[in-house]
């Protein structure tokens, strides 16, 4: 019985050692190259920023604004579908495609929201 316990302890020890080697990685793997010099990192950042700026020059999308009010004096629901066009650097144009629901909520909440975004 003692031999089985000792054998199990050795087996557990071998598993722990193998697991730690697996976490350490392959010791025969090639050495990683040296990090990039600072001027190369900066030039790469500038190039990526220019690419992002060009990609965000303009875009169009569709948004759906919904509001559900539950309370006094009555429940009110409204929905507005809006097309948005953006042109760099800071021009946003909203075109209302459809409006459904409470006129009060549309005029006093959803349209005010659009005015605030513009």
C-alpha atoms as a PDB file:
ATOM      1  CA  UNK A   1       0.000   0.000   0.000  1.00  0.00           C
ATOM      2  CA  UNK A   2       2.876   2.395   0.816  1.00  0.00           C
ATOM      3  CA  UNK A   3       4.423   1.676  -2.569  1.00  0.00           C
ATOM      4  CA  UNK A   4       1.228   2.716  -4.372  1.00  0.00           C
ATOM      5  CA  UNK A   5       1.074   5.997  -2.448  1.00  0.00           C
ATOM      6  CA  UNK A   6       4.715   6.745  -3.186  1.00  0.00           C
ATOM      7  CA  UNK A   7       4.206   5.872  -6.836  1.00  0.00           C
ATOM      8  CA  UNK A   8       1.156   8.174  -7.003  1.00  0.00           C
ATOM      9  CA  UNK A   9       3.195  10.987  -5.406  1.00  0.00           C
ATOM     10  CA  UNK A  10       5.943  10.577  -7.998  1.00  0.00           C
ATOM     11  CA  UNK A  11       3.343  10.548 -10.772  1.00  0.00           C
ATOM     12  CA  UNK A  12       1.812  13.781  -9.480  1.00  0.00           C
ATOM     13  CA  UNK A  13       5.276  15.371  -9.240  1.00  0.00           C
ATOM     14  CA  UNK A  14       6.029  14.366 -12.836  1.00  0.00           C
ATOM     15  CA  UNK A  15       2.728  15.908 -14.012  1.00  0.00           C
ATOM     16  CA  UNK A  16       3.517  19.177 -12.214  1.00  0.00           C
ATOM     17  CA  UNK A  17       7.011  19.317 -13.765  1.00  0.00           C
ATOM     18  CA  UNK A  18       5.642  18.583 -17.250  1.00  0.00           C
ATOM     19  CA  UNK A  19       2.933  21.236 -16.842  1.00  0.00           C
ATOM     20  CA  UNK A  20       5.500  23.857 -15.805  1.00  0.00           C
ATOM     21  CA  UNK A  21       7.657  23.005 -18.825  1.00  0.00           C
ATOM     22  CA  UNK A  22       4.636  23.345 -21.100  1.00  0.00           C
ATOM     23  CA  UNK A  23       3.889  26.794 -19.646  1.00  0.00           C
ATOM     24  CA  UNK A  24       7.499  27.899 -20.043  1.00  0.00           C
ATOM     25  CA  UNK A  25       7.286  27.105 -23.745  1.00  0.00           C
ATOM     26  CA  UNK A  26       9.661  25.329 -26.070  1.00  0.00           C
ATOM     27  CA  UNK A  27      13.212  25.975 -24.943  1.00  0.00           C
ATOM     28  CA  UNK A  28      14.530  25.314 -28.460  1.00  0.00           C
ATOM     29  CA  UNK A  29      12.389  28.062 -30.055  1.00  0.00           C
ATOM     30  CA  UNK A  30      14.292  30.852 -31.821  1.00  0.00           C
ATOM     31  CA  UNK A  31      14.983  34.028 -29.866  1.00  0.00           C
ATOM     32  CA  UNK A  32      12.565  36.902 -30.539  1.00  0.00           C
ATOM     33  CA  UNK A  33      13.942  39.826 -32.561  1.00  0.00           C
ATOM     34  CA  UNK A  34      14.923  43.025 -30.776  1.00  0.00           C
ATOM     35  CA  UNK A  35      12.203  45.663 -30.320  1.00  0.00           C
ATOM     36  CA  UNK A  36      11.757  48.362 -32.974  1.00  0.00           C
ATOM     37  CA  UNK A  37      13.658  51.608 -32.597  1.00  0.00           C
ATOM     38  CA  UNK A  38      11.657  54.604 -31.357  1.00  0.00           C
ATOM     39  CA  UNK A  39      11.688  56.498 -34.659  1.00  0.00           C
ATOM     40  CA  UNK A  40      10.252  53.454 -36.464  1.00  0.00           C
ATOM     41  CA  UNK A  41       7.489  53.079 -33.865  1.00  0.00           C
ATOM     42  CA  UNK A  42       6.570  56.759 -34.245  1.00  0.00           C
ATOM     43  CA  UNK A  43       6.502  56.557 -38.041  1.00  0.00           C
ATOM     44  CA  UNK A  44       4.272  53.455 -37.871  1.00  0.00           C
ATOM     45  CA  UNK A  45       1.869  55.284 -35.535  1.00  0.00           C
ATOM     46  CA  UNK A  46       1.721  58.291 -37.858  1.00  0.00           C
ATOM     47  CA  UNK A  47       1.026  56.062 -40.865  1.00  0.00           C
ATOM     48  CA  UNK A  48      -1.805  54.240 -39.045  1.00  0.00           C
ATOM     49  CA  UNK A  49      -3.320  57.556 -37.900  1.00  0.00           C
ATOM     50  CA  UNK A  50      -3.323  58.802 -41.503  1.00  0.00           C
ATOM     51  CA  UNK A  51      -5.042  55.582 -42.646  1.00  0.00           C
ATOM     52  CA  UNK A  52      -7.710  55.939 -39.926  1.00  0.00           C
ATOM     53  CA  UNK A  53      -8.331  59.575 -40.817  1.00  0.00           C
ATOM     54  CA  UNK A  54      -8.757  58.695 -44.493  1.00  0.00           C
ATOM     55  CA  UNK A  55     -11.181  55.882 -43.633  1.00  0.00           C
ATOM     56  CA  UNK A  56     -13.277  58.217 -41.460  1.00  0.00           C
ATOM     57  CA  UNK A  57     -13.459  61.020 -44.025  1.00  0.00           C
ATOM     58  CA  UNK A  58     -17.169  60.357 -44.394  1.00  0.00           C
ATOM     59  CA  UNK A  59     -19.770  57.732 -43.569  1.00  0.00           C
ATOM     60  CA  UNK A  60     -23.515  57.170 -43.634  1.00  0.00           C
ATOM     61  CA  UNK A  61     -25.703  55.130 -41.366  1.00  0.00           C
ATOM     62  CA  UNK A  62     -29.200  54.597 -40.061  1.00  0.00           C
ATOM     63  CA  UNK A  63     -30.225  55.025 -36.440  1.00  0.00           C
ATOM     64  CA  UNK A  64     -33.418  54.064 -34.667  1.00  0.00           C
ATOM     65  CA  UNK A  65     -34.413  56.161 -31.671  1.00  0.00           C
ATOM     66  CA  UNK A  66     -37.079  54.659 -29.394  1.00  0.00           C
ATOM     67  CA  UNK A  67     -38.638  55.869 -26.190  1.00  0.00           C
ATOM     68  CA  UNK A  68     -41.154  54.131 -23.964  1.00  0.00           C
ATOM     69  CA  UNK A  69     -42.665  56.192 -21.161  1.00  0.00           C
ATOM     70  CA  UNK A  70     -44.726  54.442 -18.486  1.00  0.00           C
ATOM     71  CA  UNK A  71     -46.277  56.746 -15.953  1.00  0.00           C
ATOM     72  CA  UNK A  72     -48.596  59.620 -15.176  1.00  0.00           C
ATOM     73  CA  UNK A  73     -50.860  60.680 -16.871  1.00  0.00           C
ATOM     74  CA  UNK A  74     -50.553  57.926 -19.508  1.00  0.00           C
ATOM     75  CA  UNK A  75     -48.098  55.625 -21.244  1.00  0.00           C
ATOM     76  CA  UNK A  76     -46.453  56.999 -24.376  1.00  0.00           C
ATOM     77  CA  UNK A  77     -44.265  55.336 -27.001  1.00  0.00           C
ATOM     78  CA  UNK A  78     -42.412  56.874 -29.930  1.00  0.00           C
ATOM     79  CA  UNK A  79     -39.935  55.795 -32.561  1.00  0.00           C
ATOM     80  CA  UNK A  80     -37.952  57.741 -35.111  1.00  0.00           C
ATOM     81  CA  UNK A  81     -35.763  56.309 -37.892  1.00  0.00           C
ATOM     82  CA  UNK A  82     -33.001  58.693 -38.923  1.00  0.00           C
ATOM     83  CA  UNK A  83     -30.325  58.639 -41.630  1.00  0.00           C
ATOM     84  CA  UNK A  84     -27.024  60.181 -40.536  1.00  0.00           C
ATOM     85  CA  UNK A  85     -24.292  61.460 -42.842  1.00  0.00           C
ATOM     86  CA  UNK A  86     -20.917  62.482 -41.449  1.00  0.00           C
ATOM     87  CA  UNK A  87     -18.312  64.507 -43.332  1.00  0.00           C
ATOM     88  CA  UNK A  88     -14.949  65.239 -41.731  1.00  0.00           C
ATOM     89  CA  UNK A  89     -13.981  67.128 -39.705  1.00  0.00           C
ATOM     90  CA  UNK A  90     -17.279  67.737 -37.856  1.00  0.00           C
ATOM     91  CA  UNK A  91     -20.361  67.940 -40.107  1.00  0.00           C
ATOM     92  CA  UNK A  92     -23.309  65.714 -39.169  1.00  0.00           C
ATOM     93  CA  UNK A  93     -26.511  65.758 -41.193  1.00  0.00           C
ATOM     94  CA  UNK A  94     -29.651  64.031 -39.950  1.00  0.00           C
ATOM     95  CA  UNK A  95     -32.587  63.138 -42.210  1.00  0.00           C
ATOM     96  CA  UNK A  96     -35.732  61.801 -40.544  1.00  0.00           C
ATOM     97  CA  UNK A  97     -36.964  58.802 -42.527  1.00  0.00           C
ATOM     98  CA  UNK A  98     -39.996  57.925 -40.392  1.00  0.00           C
ATOM     99  CA  UNK A  99     -41.779  58.852 -37.169  1.00  0.00           C
ATOM    100  CA  UNK A 100     -44.249  56.695 -35.237  1.00  0.00           C
ATOM    101  CA  UNK A 101     -46.020  57.156 -31.951  1.00  0.00           C
ATOM    102  CA  UNK A 102     -46.597  60.051 -29.597  1.00  0.00           C
ATOM    103  CA  UNK A 103     -46.167  63.430 -31.279  1.00  0.00           C
ATOM    104  CA  UNK A 104     -45.310  64.979 -27.895  1.00  0.00           C
ATOM    105  CA  UNK A 105     -42.427  62.538 -27.298  1.00  0.00           C
ATOM    106  CA  UNK A 106     -41.148  62.947 -30.864  1.00  0.00           C
ATOM    107  CA  UNK A 107     -41.175  66.769 -30.702  1.00  0.00           C
ATOM    108  CA  UNK A 108     -40.015  67.279 -27.119  1.00  0.00           C
ATOM    109  CA  UNK A 109     -37.601  64.389 -26.633  1.00  0.00           C
ATOM    110  CA  UNK A 110     -36.371  62.722 -29.828  1.00  0.00           C
ATOM    111  CA  UNK A 111     -36.027  65.862 -31.961  1.00  0.00           C
ATOM    112  CA  UNK A 112     -34.313  67.667 -29.089  1.00  0.00           C
ATOM    113  CA  UNK A 113     -31.906  64.755 -28.887  1.00  0.00           C
ATOM    114  CA  UNK A 114     -31.043  65.166 -32.574  1.00  0.00           C
ATOM    115  CA  UNK A 115     -30.547  68.925 -32.135  1.00  0.00           C
ATOM    116  CA  UNK A 116     -28.132  68.223 -29.294  1.00  0.00           C
ATOM    117  CA  UNK A 117     -26.131  65.800 -31.440  1.00  0.00           C
ATOM    118  CA  UNK A 118     -25.818  68.275 -34.298  1.00  0.00           C
END
